[in-house]
Amino acid sequence: MKYLMTFDTPADAPPPSPEQLEALGKFTQEMIAAGVVKLTGGLAPASMGGAKVRSKGGQFAVVDGPYTEAKEVVVGFAVIEAANLDEALNHCRRFMAIAGDGEGSIQPIFEGGA
């Protein structure tokens, strides 16, 4: 099953050290080679653009955002392949041991046809 794994850091967190970036790069390459990571990336800060959108009653609206007053922002994501949630959590645990303080989520991805 595929899972979406996100990672958030506090807005006042220091940037990752060169050593952390190197270790994260090695970890990511290892996980890609093993067929676990299917897609990974980072999200640009809200100051670089983007939008928060809403749909209600058939009306589409762009609202302030994407993070007008957020104390934490999603900085990275990965789509991973895991047999079950426990396996996904083990991958996440390894990632967070390198990435440091933060929070995240792991959500199953429902895949349809096409």
Protein backbone atom coordinates (compact mmCIF):
# COMPACT_ATOMS: atom_id res chain seq x y z
CA MET A 1 0.00 0.00 0.00
CA LYS A 2 1.15 3.53 -0.66
CA TYR A 3 1.28 6.10 2.12
CA LEU A 4 1.75 9.87 2.10
CA MET A 5 4.28 10.83 4.74
CA THR A 6 4.62 14.51 5.64
CA PHE A 7 7.08 16.27 7.91
CA ASP A 8 6.53 19.62 9.61
CA THR A 9 9.01 21.71 11.52
CA PRO A 10 8.34 24.59 13.91
CA ALA A 11 8.51 27.93 12.09
CA ASP A 12 11.40 29.02 14.34
CA ALA A 13 13.44 25.84 13.85
CA PRO A 14 17.00 26.30 12.61
CA PRO A 15 17.71 25.10 9.09
CA PRO A 16 19.15 21.60 8.76
CA SER A 17 22.90 21.32 9.11
CA PRO A 18 25.06 20.23 6.16
CA GLU A 19 25.55 16.90 7.95
CA GLN A 20 21.79 16.41 8.30
CA LEU A 21 21.25 17.23 4.63
CA GLU A 22 23.92 14.74 3.61
CA ALA A 23 22.44 12.02 5.85
CA LEU A 24 18.93 12.73 4.56
CA GLY A 25 20.19 12.52 0.98
CA LYS A 26 21.83 9.15 1.64
CA PHE A 27 18.73 7.84 3.42
CA THR A 28 16.48 8.98 0.58
CA GLN A 29 18.69 7.38 -2.07
CA GLU A 30 18.77 4.14 -0.07
CA MET A 31 14.98 4.13 0.19
CA ILE A 32 14.53 4.89 -3.53
CA ALA A 33 16.93 2.06 -4.44
CA ALA A 34 14.97 -0.31 -2.17
CA GLY A 35 11.71 0.64 -3.91
CA VAL A 36 10.21 2.17 -0.76
CA VAL A 37 10.17 5.83 -1.80
CA LYS A 38 8.06 6.44 -4.89
CA LEU A 39 8.09 10.26 -4.84
CA THR A 40 9.61 12.83 -2.54
CA GLY A 41 9.92 16.57 -2.41
CA GLY A 42 9.81 19.70 -0.38
CA LEU A 43 7.38 22.56 -0.31
CA ALA A 44 8.43 26.15 -0.93
CA PRO A 45 7.75 28.65 1.85
CA ALA A 46 4.38 30.42 1.68
CA SER A 47 6.20 33.67 0.91
CA MET A 48 7.08 32.23 -2.53
CA GLY A 49 3.46 31.86 -3.53
CA GLY A 50 0.79 29.24 -3.45
CA ALA A 51 -2.80 29.52 -2.40
CA LYS A 52 -5.31 28.10 0.03
CA VAL A 53 -8.54 27.23 -1.73
CA ARG A 54 -12.06 26.37 -0.64
CA SER A 55 -15.08 24.86 -2.32
CA LYS A 56 -18.49 25.33 -0.73
CA GLY A 57 -21.89 25.02 -2.31
CA GLY A 58 -20.37 24.73 -5.76
CA GLN A 59 -18.43 27.98 -5.34
CA PHE A 60 -14.65 27.93 -5.66
CA ALA A 61 -12.69 30.56 -3.75
CA VAL A 62 -9.05 31.40 -3.20
CA VAL A 63 -8.53 32.45 0.40
CA ASP A 64 -5.50 33.84 2.18
CA GLY A 65 -2.77 31.33 2.46
CA PRO A 66 -1.49 28.88 2.28
CA TYR A 67 -0.31 29.47 5.88
CA THR A 68 -1.36 32.89 7.06
CA GLU A 69 -0.71 32.34 10.76
CA ALA A 70 0.79 28.88 10.94
CA LYS A 71 3.26 28.07 13.66
CA GLU A 72 4.29 24.97 11.73
CA VAL A 73 4.44 24.29 8.02
CA VAL A 74 4.82 21.16 5.95
CA VAL A 75 8.35 21.26 4.61
CA GLY A 76 8.65 17.84 3.06
CA PHE A 77 6.70 14.87 1.85
CA ALA A 78 7.23 11.40 0.47
CA VAL A 79 5.01 8.82 -1.10
CA ILE A 80 6.22 5.48 0.21
CA GLU A 81 5.33 1.83 -0.36
CA ALA A 82 4.84 -0.24 2.78
CA ALA A 83 3.12 -3.52 3.59
CA ASN A 84 1.18 -1.92 6.45
CA LEU A 85 1.09 1.06 8.81
CA ASP A 86 3.66 -0.48 11.17
CA GLU A 87 6.18 -0.73 8.34
CA ALA A 88 5.40 2.85 7.26
CA LEU A 89 5.94 4.04 10.83
CA ASN A 90 9.33 2.30 10.94
CA HIS A 91 10.40 4.16 7.78
CA CYS A 92 9.12 7.40 9.29
CA ARG A 93 10.98 6.75 12.55
CA ARG A 94 14.25 6.32 10.64
CA PHE A 95 13.63 9.53 8.68
CA MET A 96 12.80 11.58 11.77
CA ALA A 97 15.88 10.30 13.61
CA ILE A 98 17.90 12.09 10.93
CA ALA A 99 15.64 15.10 10.30
CA GLY A 100 15.28 16.05 13.96
CA ASP A 101 12.47 17.78 15.79
CA GLY A 102 9.12 18.11 14.10
CA GLU A 103 5.80 16.47 13.53
CA GLY A 104 4.31 14.64 10.64
CA SER A 105 1.58 12.41 9.41
CA ILE A 106 1.26 9.14 7.59
CA GLN A 107 -1.90 8.60 5.58
CA PRO A 108 -2.86 5.71 3.32
CA ILE A 109 -3.38 6.63 -0.32
CA PHE A 110 -6.45 5.20 -2.03
CA GLU A 111 -5.54 4.39 -5.61
CA GLY A 112 -8.17 4.24 -8.30
CA GLY A 113 -8.12 3.02 -11.84
CA ALA A 114 -6.89 4.92 -14.88
